Amino acid sequence: MVTARSLRIVNRALDRYETRGDAPATLTHPPILIVGAPRSGSTLLYQALVQRFDVAYISNRHCRLNGAPSLVEARRGAIRHHATYTSHHGFEQGATAPSECGQYWYRFFPRSPHHVALAAADPAAMARLRRSVARFTEAAGRPVVFKNLYCSLRMEPIAHALPEALFLVMHRDRIENARSLLAGRMRRSGDYATWWSAEPPGIEQIRRLPPARQVVEQVRAIEGVIADARASIGDQRFLDVEYARMCDEPHAVMAEVAAFAARHGETLVTRGEIPERFERPPVTRLAAELEQELERDDAPR
């Protein structure tokens, strides 16, 4: 039986193997990163992309050997996943299901703080990230799509290490987004006050706020970090995706993603069918006082 400790040892050895040597000057395909606030609909976009296009991604199977997903890709070849479009806080069951795989990103970034500016990133770790992505891309022979929302707070160092990278920014109505975060807190911990998911800059001050204002500020602050990174990296490397439109017109959104990639010299080959539309989950109504707080805290400033 493989223990958690032995698996960690194996993955550390695999990491050294995967990131040895030099990275190529240019990647053969641009990596595509999905970013946004937690509970913005990013998992749905991720699932649809890997179903619709012939792209590589970190599956749950890859994530088990997160020290070298390139070796898993080389051994297993192209994964054919049949999306269920279901998930639990971003996790979809099944070996071939797309994974956020936080363990992969912890190879290159600290567990805390979540926000890492370019000046704070470890240059050696960023060089290793480039070598890892390059070898994954080489093994796949097609673009690799990544979705880990902590990357939303680390975009500048990622873009510096991967200047070929393209970013899909998921947006959702802020009140809907905040409401979903509160509901997620309740499901996970049984209360609205326990923090959950990405910690933007200013987290110490945000944690002192009432729960409804916390989640509004969490979304607002992450959106601000993305906007600042976008200004630094260059707007041409970004495509905005609205959650409501992703639900109502997924084929149109996929066409826009393909056109965006084409503008950067990448052809996304259609591989599978996706639904004509996605049903939005029913609105989770919170206690009246929380609803009032959400509306008040999201008011323009």
C-alpha atoms as a PDB file:
ATOM      1  CA  MET A   1       0.000   0.000   0.000  1.00  0.00           C
ATOM      2  CA  VAL A   2       1.344   3.420  -0.974  1.00  0.00           C
ATOM      3  CA  THR A   3       1.324   5.767   2.021  1.00  0.00           C
ATOM      4  CA  ALA A   4       0.954   9.533   1.865  1.00  0.00           C
ATOM      5  CA  ARG A   5       4.548   9.891   3.079  1.00  0.00           C
ATOM      6  CA  SER A   6       5.972   7.566   0.420  1.00  0.00           C
ATOM      7  CA  LEU A   7       3.974   9.385  -2.256  1.00  0.00           C
ATOM      8  CA  ARG A   8       5.448  12.710  -1.120  1.00  0.00           C
ATOM      9  CA  ILE A   9       8.951  11.235  -1.391  1.00  0.00           C
ATOM     10  CA  VAL A  10       8.200   9.931  -4.880  1.00  0.00           C
ATOM     11  CA  ASN A  11       6.823  13.294  -5.979  1.00  0.00           C
ATOM     12  CA  ARG A  12       9.874  15.163  -4.688  1.00  0.00           C
ATOM     13  CA  ALA A  13      12.091  12.839  -6.754  1.00  0.00           C
ATOM     14  CA  LEU A  14       9.844  13.270  -9.794  1.00  0.00           C
ATOM     15  CA  ASP A  15      10.012  17.051  -9.392  1.00  0.00           C
ATOM     16  CA  ARG A  16      13.812  16.973  -9.562  1.00  0.00           C
ATOM     17  CA  TYR A  17      13.640  14.782 -12.662  1.00  0.00           C
ATOM     18  CA  GLU A  18      11.038  16.882 -14.479  1.00  0.00           C
ATOM     19  CA  THR A  19      12.710  20.238 -13.836  1.00  0.00           C
ATOM     20  CA  ARG A  20      16.285  19.214 -14.642  1.00  0.00           C
ATOM     21  CA  GLY A  21      18.267  20.944 -17.382  1.00  0.00           C
ATOM     22  CA  ASP A  22      17.251  23.998 -19.351  1.00  0.00           C
ATOM     23  CA  ALA A  23      13.830  25.119 -20.542  1.00  0.00           C
ATOM     24  CA  PRO A  24      13.296  25.850 -24.248  1.00  0.00           C
ATOM     25  CA  ALA A  25      13.438  29.444 -25.384  1.00  0.00           C
ATOM     26  CA  THR A  26       9.881  29.164 -26.723  1.00  0.00           C
ATOM     27  CA  LEU A  27       7.050  26.823 -25.801  1.00  0.00           C
ATOM     28  CA  THR A  28       5.503  24.839 -28.646  1.00  0.00           C
ATOM     29  CA  HIS A  29       1.990  25.773 -27.486  1.00  0.00           C
ATOM     30  CA  PRO A  30       0.824  28.572 -25.169  1.00  0.00           C
ATOM     31  CA  PRO A  31      -0.436  27.453 -21.750  1.00  0.00           C
ATOM     32  CA  ILE A  32      -3.974  28.653 -21.030  1.00  0.00           C
ATOM     33  CA  LEU A  33      -4.813  29.646 -17.453  1.00  0.00           C
ATOM     34  CA  ILE A  34      -8.314  30.145 -16.064  1.00  0.00           C
ATOM     35  CA  VAL A  35      -8.393  32.792 -13.335  1.00  0.00           C
ATOM     36  CA  GLY A  36     -11.028  34.607 -11.315  1.00  0.00           C
ATOM     37  CA  ALA A  37     -12.578  34.757  -7.884  1.00  0.00           C
ATOM     38  CA  PRO A  38     -13.634  31.529  -6.158  1.00  0.00           C
ATOM     39  CA  ARG A  39     -17.226  30.491  -6.958  1.00  0.00           C
ATOM     40  CA  SER A  40     -17.193  32.570 -10.144  1.00  0.00           C
ATOM     41  CA  GLY A  41     -17.990  29.623 -12.443  1.00  0.00           C
ATOM     42  CA  SER A  42     -14.404  28.788 -13.337  1.00  0.00           C
ATOM     43  CA  THR A  43     -14.887  25.034 -12.851  1.00  0.00           C
ATOM     44  CA  LEU A  44     -17.678  24.987 -15.450  1.00  0.00           C
ATOM     45  CA  LEU A  45     -15.433  26.796 -17.936  1.00  0.00           C
ATOM     46  CA  TYR A  46     -12.603  24.348 -17.216  1.00  0.00           C
ATOM     47  CA  GLN A  47     -14.853  21.321 -17.713  1.00  0.00           C
ATOM     48  CA  ALA A  48     -16.282  22.676 -20.962  1.00  0.00           C
ATOM     49  CA  LEU A  49     -12.867  23.561 -22.401  1.00  0.00           C
ATOM     50  CA  VAL A  50     -11.353  20.123 -21.857  1.00  0.00           C
ATOM     51  CA  GLN A  51     -14.483  18.491 -23.258  1.00  0.00           C
ATOM     52  CA  ARG A  52     -14.760  20.741 -26.316  1.00  0.00           C
ATOM     53  CA  PHE A  53     -11.135  21.061 -27.422  1.00  0.00           C
ATOM     54  CA  ASP A  54      -8.164  18.773 -27.903  1.00  0.00           C
ATOM     55  CA  VAL A  55      -6.178  20.183 -25.008  1.00  0.00           C
ATOM     56  CA  ALA A  56      -4.152  18.677 -22.192  1.00  0.00           C
ATOM     57  CA  TYR A  57      -4.855  19.340 -18.515  1.00  0.00           C
ATOM     58  CA  ILE A  58      -3.962  18.088 -15.072  1.00  0.00           C
ATOM     59  CA  SER A  59      -6.417  15.311 -14.276  1.00  0.00           C
ATOM     60  CA  ASN A  60      -6.909  13.676 -10.903  1.00  0.00           C
ATOM     61  CA  ARG A  61      -4.626  10.918 -12.197  1.00  0.00           C
ATOM     62  CA  HIS A  62      -1.896  13.425 -13.078  1.00  0.00           C
ATOM     63  CA  CYS A  63      -2.337  15.085  -9.688  1.00  0.00           C
ATOM     64  CA  ARG A  64      -1.514  11.905  -7.819  1.00  0.00           C
ATOM     65  CA  LEU A  65       1.970  12.111  -9.383  1.00  0.00           C
ATOM     66  CA  ASN A  66       2.056  15.908  -9.300  1.00  0.00           C
ATOM     67  CA  GLY A  67       5.868  15.934  -9.178  1.00  0.00           C
ATOM     68  CA  ALA A  68       5.927  15.181 -12.915  1.00  0.00           C
ATOM     69  CA  PRO A  69       2.572  15.349 -14.734  1.00  0.00           C
ATOM     70  CA  SER A  70       4.596  15.324 -17.965  1.00  0.00           C
ATOM     71  CA  LEU A  71       5.582  11.712 -17.290  1.00  0.00           C
ATOM     72  CA  VAL A  72       1.960  10.735 -16.679  1.00  0.00           C
ATOM     73  CA  GLU A  73       1.002  12.446 -19.923  1.00  0.00           C
ATOM     74  CA  ALA A  74       3.792  10.723 -21.866  1.00  0.00           C
ATOM     75  CA  ARG A  75       2.811   7.330 -20.479  1.00  0.00           C
ATOM     76  CA  ARG A  76      -0.968   7.627 -20.705  1.00  0.00           C
ATOM     77  CA  GLY A  77      -1.287   9.802 -23.809  1.00  0.00           C
ATOM     78  CA  ALA A  78      -4.321  11.937 -24.582  1.00  0.00           C
ATOM     79  CA  ILE A  79      -7.070  11.603 -21.991  1.00  0.00           C
ATOM     80  CA  ARG A  80     -10.639  11.211 -23.164  1.00  0.00           C
ATOM     81  CA  HIS A  81     -12.844  12.561 -20.408  1.00  0.00           C
ATOM     82  CA  HIS A  82     -16.634  12.616 -20.473  1.00  0.00           C
ATOM     83  CA  ALA A  83     -17.596  15.612 -18.403  1.00  0.00           C
ATOM     84  CA  THR A  84     -20.349  15.307 -15.837  1.00  0.00           C
ATOM     85  CA  TYR A  85     -20.455  19.076 -15.269  1.00  0.00           C
ATOM     86  CA  THR A  86     -20.773  18.388 -11.580  1.00  0.00           C
ATOM     87  CA  SER A  87     -18.271  19.247  -8.888  1.00  0.00           C
ATOM     88  CA  HIS A  88     -17.988  19.757  -5.152  1.00  0.00           C
ATOM     89  CA  HIS A  89     -16.162  22.998  -4.405  1.00  0.00           C
ATOM     90  CA  GLY A  90     -14.210  22.635  -7.650  1.00  0.00           C
ATOM     91  CA  PHE A  91     -13.530  18.906  -7.353  1.00  0.00           C
ATOM     92  CA  GLU A  92     -14.966  16.453  -9.894  1.00  0.00           C
ATOM     93  CA  GLN A  93     -14.664  12.753  -9.190  1.00  0.00           C
ATOM     94  CA  GLY A  94     -12.956  10.330 -11.568  1.00  0.00           C
ATOM     95  CA  ALA A  95      -9.357   9.629 -12.576  1.00  0.00           C
ATOM     96  CA  THR A  96      -9.663  11.562 -15.839  1.00  0.00           C
ATOM     97  CA  ALA A  97     -11.613  14.514 -14.406  1.00  0.00           C
ATOM     98  CA  PRO A  98      -9.872  17.906 -14.563  1.00  0.00           C
ATOM     99  CA  SER A  99      -8.208  18.912 -11.320  1.00  0.00           C
ATOM    100  CA  GLU A 100      -7.097  22.191  -9.760  1.00  0.00           C
ATOM    101  CA  CYS A 101      -4.215  20.203  -8.226  1.00  0.00           C
ATOM    102  CA  GLY A 102      -2.963  22.637  -5.637  1.00  0.00           C
ATOM    103  CA  GLN A 103      -0.074  20.235  -4.948  1.00  0.00           C
ATOM    104  CA  TYR A 104       1.323  20.960  -8.407  1.00  0.00           C
ATOM    105  CA  TRP A 105       1.427  24.716  -7.794  1.00  0.00           C
ATOM    106  CA  TYR A 106       2.908  24.289  -4.301  1.00  0.00           C
ATOM    107  CA  ARG A 107       6.013  23.016  -6.087  1.00  0.00           C
ATOM    108  CA  PHE A 108       6.653  26.591  -7.218  1.00  0.00           C
ATOM    109  CA  PHE A 109       4.792  28.873  -4.807  1.00  0.00           C
ATOM    110  CA  PRO A 110       4.449  28.962  -1.007  1.00  0.00           C
ATOM    111  CA  ARG A 111       1.281  27.791   0.683  1.00  0.00           C
ATOM    112  CA  SER A 112       1.141  31.200   2.333  1.00  0.00           C
ATOM    113  CA  PRO A 113       0.806  34.026   1.517  1.00  0.00           C
ATOM    114  CA  HIS A 114      -1.527  33.348  -1.383  1.00  0.00           C
ATOM    115  CA  HIS A 115      -0.669  36.632  -3.104  1.00  0.00           C
ATOM    116  CA  VAL A 116       2.821  36.590  -4.597  1.00  0.00           C
ATOM    117  CA  ALA A 117       4.063  39.675  -6.436  1.00  0.00           C
ATOM    118  CA  LEU A 118       6.698  39.405  -9.134  1.00  0.00           C
ATOM    119  CA  ALA A 119       9.384  40.814  -6.844  1.00  0.00           C
ATOM    120  CA  ALA A 120       8.536  38.258  -4.143  1.00  0.00           C
ATOM    121  CA  ALA A 121       8.636  35.188  -6.394  1.00  0.00           C
ATOM    122  CA  ASP A 122      11.619  32.833  -6.212  1.00  0.00           C
ATOM    123  CA  PRO A 123      13.482  33.084  -9.558  1.00  0.00           C
ATOM    124  CA  ALA A 124      14.728  29.493  -9.261  1.00  0.00           C
ATOM    125  CA  ALA A 125      11.193  28.249  -8.647  1.00  0.00           C
ATOM    126  CA  MET A 126       9.914  30.218 -11.640  1.00  0.00           C
ATOM    127  CA  ALA A 127      12.603  28.665 -13.835  1.00  0.00           C
ATOM    128  CA  ARG A 128      11.485  25.243 -12.603  1.00  0.00           C
ATOM    129  CA  LEU A 129       7.862  26.142 -13.381  1.00  0.00           C
ATOM    130  CA  ARG A 130       8.830  26.957 -16.945  1.00  0.00           C
ATOM    131  CA  ARG A 131      10.690  23.674 -17.345  1.00  0.00           C
ATOM    132  CA  SER A 132       7.743  21.741 -15.912  1.00  0.00           C
ATOM    133  CA  VAL A 133       5.184  23.388 -18.189  1.00  0.00           C
ATOM    134  CA  ALA A 134       7.483  22.999 -21.191  1.00  0.00           C
ATOM    135  CA  ARG A 135       7.872  19.267 -20.592  1.00  0.00           C
ATOM    136  CA  PHE A 136       4.161  18.793 -19.986  1.00  0.00           C
ATOM    137  CA  THR A 137       3.443  20.642 -23.240  1.00  0.00           C
ATOM    138  CA  GLU A 138       6.038  18.608 -25.145  1.00  0.00           C
ATOM    139  CA  ALA A 139       4.605  15.336 -23.825  1.00  0.00           C
ATOM    140  CA  ALA A 140       1.060  16.404 -24.727  1.00  0.00           C
ATOM    141  CA  GLY A 141       1.815  17.897 -28.132  1.00  0.00           C
ATOM    142  CA  ARG A 142      -0.998  20.411 -27.636  1.00  0.00           C
ATOM    143  CA  PRO A 143      -1.888  23.323 -25.337  1.00  0.00           C
ATOM    144  CA  VAL A 144      -2.209  22.689 -21.618  1.00  0.00           C
ATOM    145  CA  VAL A 145      -5.133  24.271 -19.761  1.00  0.00           C
ATOM    146  CA  PHE A 146      -4.639  25.033 -16.065  1.00  0.00           C
ATOM    147  CA  LYS A 147      -7.237  26.056 -13.513  1.00  0.00           C
ATOM    148  CA  ASN A 148      -6.175  26.889  -9.985  1.00  0.00           C
ATOM    149  CA  LEU A 149      -7.685  30.090  -8.677  1.00  0.00           C
ATOM    150  CA  TYR A 150      -4.746  30.837  -6.378  1.00  0.00           C
ATOM    151  CA  CYS A 151      -2.953  31.597  -9.658  1.00  0.00           C
ATOM    152  CA  SER A 152      -5.226  34.659  -9.852  1.00  0.00           C
ATOM    153  CA  LEU A 153      -3.046  36.093  -7.072  1.00  0.00           C
ATOM    154  CA  ARG A 154       0.260  35.079  -8.717  1.00  0.00           C
ATOM    155  CA  MET A 155      -0.284  36.134 -12.303  1.00  0.00           C
ATOM    156  CA  GLU A 156       2.664  38.476 -12.700  1.00  0.00           C
ATOM    157  CA  PRO A 157       5.358  35.917 -11.769  1.00  0.00           C
ATOM    158  CA  ILE A 158       3.539  33.245 -13.807  1.00  0.00           C
ATOM    159  CA  ALA A 159       3.380  35.550 -16.839  1.00  0.00           C
ATOM    160  CA  HIS A 160       7.055  36.414 -16.385  1.00  0.00           C
ATOM    161  CA  ALA A 161       8.026  32.725 -16.299  1.00  0.00           C
ATOM    162  CA  LEU A 162       5.585  31.864 -19.094  1.00  0.00           C
ATOM    163  CA  PRO A 163       5.453  34.851 -21.467  1.00  0.00           C
ATOM    164  CA  GLU A 164       3.475  32.703 -23.918  1.00  0.00           C
ATOM    165  CA  ALA A 165       0.653  32.186 -21.387  1.00  0.00           C
ATOM    166  CA  LEU A 166      -2.911  33.253 -22.168  1.00  0.00           C
ATOM    167  CA  PHE A 167      -5.459  34.065 -19.458  1.00  0.00           C
ATOM    168  CA  LEU A 168      -9.214  33.475 -19.375  1.00  0.00           C
ATOM    169  CA  VAL A 169     -10.787  35.672 -16.692  1.00  0.00           C
ATOM    170  CA  MET A 170     -14.067  34.377 -15.273  1.00  0.00           C
ATOM    171  CA  HIS A 171     -16.576  36.980 -14.073  1.00  0.00           C
ATOM    172  CA  ARG A 172     -19.810  36.603 -12.143  1.00  0.00           C
ATOM    173  CA  ASP A 173     -22.261  39.097 -10.742  1.00  0.00           C
ATOM    174  CA  ARG A 174     -20.573  40.137  -7.522  1.00  0.00           C
ATOM    175  CA  ILE A 175     -23.612  39.610  -5.288  1.00  0.00           C
ATOM    176  CA  GLU A 176     -24.199  36.154  -6.783  1.00  0.00           C
ATOM    177  CA  ASN A 177     -20.508  35.392  -6.325  1.00  0.00           C
ATOM    178  CA  ALA A 178     -20.487  36.578  -2.713  1.00  0.00           C
ATOM    179  CA  ARG A 179     -23.701  34.714  -1.930  1.00  0.00           C
ATOM    180  CA  SER A 180     -22.195  31.504  -3.321  1.00  0.00           C
ATOM    181  CA  LEU A 181     -19.092  32.001  -1.189  1.00  0.00           C
ATOM    182  CA  LEU A 182     -21.190  32.353   1.944  1.00  0.00           C
ATOM    183  CA  ALA A 183     -23.198  29.250   1.058  1.00  0.00           C
ATOM    184  CA  GLY A 184     -19.929  27.393   0.479  1.00  0.00           C
ATOM    185  CA  ARG A 185     -18.669  28.447   3.888  1.00  0.00           C
ATOM    186  CA  MET A 186     -21.810  27.091   5.501  1.00  0.00           C
ATOM    187  CA  ARG A 187     -21.513  23.757   3.675  1.00  0.00           C
ATOM    188  CA  ARG A 188     -17.858  23.353   4.557  1.00  0.00           C
ATOM    189  CA  SER A 189     -17.726  24.540   8.145  1.00  0.00           C
ATOM    190  CA  GLY A 190     -21.296  24.967   9.354  1.00  0.00           C
ATOM    191  CA  ASP A 191     -21.062  28.727   9.750  1.00  0.00           C
ATOM    192  CA  TYR A 192     -20.658  31.882   7.669  1.00  0.00           C
ATOM    193  CA  ALA A 193     -17.694  33.274   9.599  1.00  0.00           C
ATOM    194  CA  THR A 194     -14.981  30.693   8.807  1.00  0.00           C
ATOM    195  CA  TRP A 195     -12.755  31.879   5.967  1.00  0.00           C
ATOM    196  CA  TRP A 196     -12.631  29.802   2.812  1.00  0.00           C
ATOM    197  CA  SER A 197     -10.401  29.841  -0.271  1.00  0.00           C
ATOM    198  CA  ALA A 198      -8.081  32.459  -1.760  1.00  0.00           C
ATOM    199  CA  GLU A 199      -6.674  35.162   0.534  1.00  0.00           C
ATOM    200  CA  PRO A 200      -6.083  38.437  -1.326  1.00  0.00           C
ATOM    201  CA  PRO A 201      -3.790  41.239  -0.169  1.00  0.00           C
ATOM    202  CA  GLY A 202      -5.158  42.914   2.947  1.00  0.00           C
ATOM    203  CA  ILE A 203      -6.493  39.612   4.270  1.00  0.00           C
ATOM    204  CA  GLU A 204      -5.786  40.617   7.882  1.00  0.00           C
ATOM    205  CA  GLN A 205      -8.118  43.612   7.602  1.00  0.00           C
ATOM    206  CA  ILE A 206     -10.739  41.704   5.586  1.00  0.00           C
ATOM    207  CA  ARG A 207     -10.933  38.973   8.229  1.00  0.00           C
ATOM    208  CA  ARG A 208     -11.984  41.579  10.817  1.00  0.00           C
ATOM    209  CA  LEU A 209     -15.107  42.435   8.819  1.00  0.00           C
ATOM    210  CA  PRO A 210     -18.555  40.819   9.225  1.00  0.00           C
ATOM    211  CA  PRO A 211     -18.989  37.691   7.021  1.00  0.00           C
ATOM    212  CA  ALA A 212     -21.093  39.331   4.295  1.00  0.00           C
ATOM    213  CA  ARG A 213     -18.641  42.151   3.873  1.00  0.00           C
ATOM    214  CA  GLN A 214     -15.714  39.704   3.985  1.00  0.00           C
ATOM    215  CA  VAL A 215     -16.862  37.811   0.890  1.00  0.00           C
ATOM    216  CA  VAL A 216     -17.693  40.993  -1.032  1.00  0.00           C
ATOM    217  CA  GLU A 217     -14.236  42.358  -0.251  1.00  0.00           C
ATOM    218  CA  GLN A 218     -12.648  38.981  -1.091  1.00  0.00           C
ATOM    219  CA  VAL A 219     -14.160  39.091  -4.587  1.00  0.00           C
ATOM    220  CA  ARG A 220     -13.455  42.808  -5.021  1.00  0.00           C
ATOM    221  CA  ALA A 221      -9.813  42.462  -3.921  1.00  0.00           C
ATOM    222  CA  ILE A 222      -9.137  39.464  -6.189  1.00  0.00           C
ATOM    223  CA  GLU A 223     -10.678  41.329  -9.116  1.00  0.00           C
ATOM    224  CA  GLY A 224      -8.372  44.235  -8.276  1.00  0.00           C
ATOM    225  CA  VAL A 225      -5.265  42.031  -8.254  1.00  0.00           C
ATOM    226  CA  ILE A 226      -6.255  40.596 -11.641  1.00  0.00           C
ATOM    227  CA  ALA A 227      -6.839  44.083 -13.049  1.00  0.00           C
ATOM    228  CA  ASP A 228      -3.437  45.290 -11.840  1.00  0.00           C
ATOM    229  CA  ALA A 229      -1.690  42.222 -13.248  1.00  0.00           C
ATOM    230  CA  ARG A 230      -3.529  42.658 -16.525  1.00  0.00           C
ATOM    231  CA  ALA A 231      -2.288  46.229 -16.848  1.00  0.00           C
ATOM    232  CA  SER A 232       1.268  45.032 -16.250  1.00  0.00           C
ATOM    233  CA  ILE A 233       1.163  41.899 -18.421  1.00  0.00           C
ATOM    234  CA  GLY A 234      -0.740  43.367 -21.360  1.00  0.00           C
ATOM    235  CA  ASP A 235      -4.453  43.324 -22.111  1.00  0.00           C
ATOM    236  CA  GLN A 236      -3.992  41.384 -25.358  1.00  0.00           C
ATOM    237  CA  ARG A 237      -3.195  38.224 -23.399  1.00  0.00           C
ATOM    238  CA  PHE A 238      -6.577  38.232 -21.621  1.00  0.00           C
ATOM    239  CA  LEU A 239     -10.093  37.158 -22.559  1.00  0.00           C
ATOM    240  CA  ASP A 240     -13.087  37.902 -20.322  1.00  0.00           C
ATOM    241  CA  VAL A 241     -15.761  35.238 -19.851  1.00  0.00           C
ATOM    242  CA  GLU A 242     -19.085  36.000 -18.146  1.00  0.00           C
ATOM    243  CA  TYR A 243     -20.605  33.195 -16.091  1.00  0.00           C
ATOM    244  CA  ALA A 244     -24.167  34.041 -17.176  1.00  0.00           C
ATOM    245  CA  ARG A 245     -23.174  33.877 -20.834  1.00  0.00           C
ATOM    246  CA  MET A 246     -21.209  30.674 -20.250  1.00  0.00           C
ATOM    247  CA  CYS A 247     -24.431  29.111 -18.979  1.00  0.00           C
ATOM    248  CA  ASP A 248     -26.725  30.527 -21.669  1.00  0.00           C
ATOM    249  CA  GLU A 249     -24.449  30.432 -24.725  1.00  0.00           C
ATOM    250  CA  PRO A 250     -21.568  27.993 -24.115  1.00  0.00           C
ATOM    251  CA  HIS A 251     -20.989  27.344 -27.825  1.00  0.00           C
ATOM    252  CA  ALA A 252     -20.554  31.062 -28.479  1.00  0.00           C
ATOM    253  CA  VAL A 253     -18.108  31.313 -25.557  1.00  0.00           C
ATOM    254  CA  MET A 254     -16.081  28.348 -26.871  1.00  0.00           C
ATOM    255  CA  ALA A 255     -15.938  30.023 -30.303  1.00  0.00           C
ATOM    256  CA  GLU A 256     -14.615  33.197 -28.674  1.00  0.00           C
ATOM    257  CA  VAL A 257     -11.953  31.221 -26.808  1.00  0.00           C
ATOM    258  CA  ALA A 258     -10.900  29.546 -30.073  1.00  0.00           C
ATOM    259  CA  ALA A 259     -10.722  32.918 -31.834  1.00  0.00           C
ATOM    260  CA  PHE A 260      -8.691  34.352 -28.949  1.00  0.00           C
ATOM    261  CA  ALA A 261      -6.200  31.480 -29.171  1.00  0.00           C
ATOM    262  CA  ALA A 262      -6.023  31.880 -32.946  1.00  0.00           C
ATOM    263  CA  ARG A 263      -5.021  35.527 -32.554  1.00  0.00           C
ATOM    264  CA  HIS A 264      -2.001  34.205 -30.670  1.00  0.00           C
ATOM    265  CA  GLY A 265      -1.131  31.629 -33.321  1.00  0.00           C
ATOM    266  CA  GLU A 266      -2.756  28.621 -31.640  1.00  0.00           C
ATOM    267  CA  THR A 267      -5.437  26.462 -33.273  1.00  0.00           C
ATOM    268  CA  LEU A 268      -7.767  24.799 -30.798  1.00  0.00           C
ATOM    269  CA  VAL A 269      -9.032  21.625 -32.444  1.00  0.00           C
ATOM    270  CA  THR A 270     -12.641  20.694 -31.673  1.00  0.00           C
ATOM    271  CA  ARG A 271     -12.806  17.299 -30.042  1.00  0.00           C
ATOM    272  CA  GLY A 272     -16.172  16.784 -28.345  1.00  0.00           C
ATOM    273  CA  GLU A 273     -19.675  18.120 -27.935  1.00  0.00           C
ATOM    274  CA  ILE A 274     -20.907  20.250 -25.068  1.00  0.00           C
ATOM    275  CA  PRO A 275     -24.505  21.068 -24.078  1.00  0.00           C
ATOM    276  CA  GLU A 276     -26.399  23.851 -25.817  1.00  0.00           C
ATOM    277  CA  ARG A 277     -26.803  25.524 -22.448  1.00  0.00           C
ATOM    278  CA  PHE A 278     -26.168  24.894 -18.773  1.00  0.00           C
ATOM    279  CA  GLU A 279     -28.839  25.242 -16.136  1.00  0.00           C
ATOM    280  CA  ARG A 280     -27.811  27.684 -13.459  1.00  0.00           C
ATOM    281  CA  PRO A 281     -28.077  26.358  -9.914  1.00  0.00           C
ATOM    282  CA  PRO A 282     -31.020  27.689  -7.919  1.00  0.00           C
ATOM    283  CA  VAL A 283     -30.321  30.880  -6.037  1.00  0.00           C
ATOM    284  CA  THR A 284     -29.309  30.195  -2.462  1.00  0.00           C
ATOM    285  CA  ARG A 285     -31.245  32.682  -0.388  1.00  0.00           C
ATOM    286  CA  LEU A 286     -29.507  33.660   2.816  1.00  0.00           C
ATOM    287  CA  ALA A 287     -30.962  35.094   5.969  1.00  0.00           C
ATOM    288  CA  ALA A 288     -32.579  38.488   5.336  1.00  0.00           C
ATOM    289  CA  GLU A 289     -29.971  40.405   7.321  1.00  0.00           C
ATOM    290  CA  LEU A 290     -27.151  38.789   5.300  1.00  0.00           C
ATOM    291  CA  GLU A 291     -28.877  39.625   2.034  1.00  0.00           C
ATOM    292  CA  GLN A 292     -29.206  43.237   3.145  1.00  0.00           C
ATOM    293  CA  GLU A 293     -25.553  43.347   4.169  1.00  0.00           C
ATOM    294  CA  LEU A 294     -24.479  41.961   0.784  1.00  0.00           C
ATOM    295  CA  GLU A 295     -26.436  44.628  -1.100  1.00  0.00           C
ATOM    296  CA  ARG A 296     -25.111  47.383   1.151  1.00  0.00           C
ATOM    297  CA  ASP A 297     -21.473  46.236   1.041  1.00  0.00           C
ATOM    298  CA  ASP A 298     -21.458  45.931  -2.757  1.00  0.00           C
ATOM    299  CA  ALA A 299     -22.675  49.509  -3.204  1.00  0.00           C
ATOM    300  CA  PRO A 300     -20.362  51.676  -5.370  1.00  0.00           C
ATOM    301  CA  ARG A 301     -17.658  53.508  -3.465  1.00  0.00           C
END
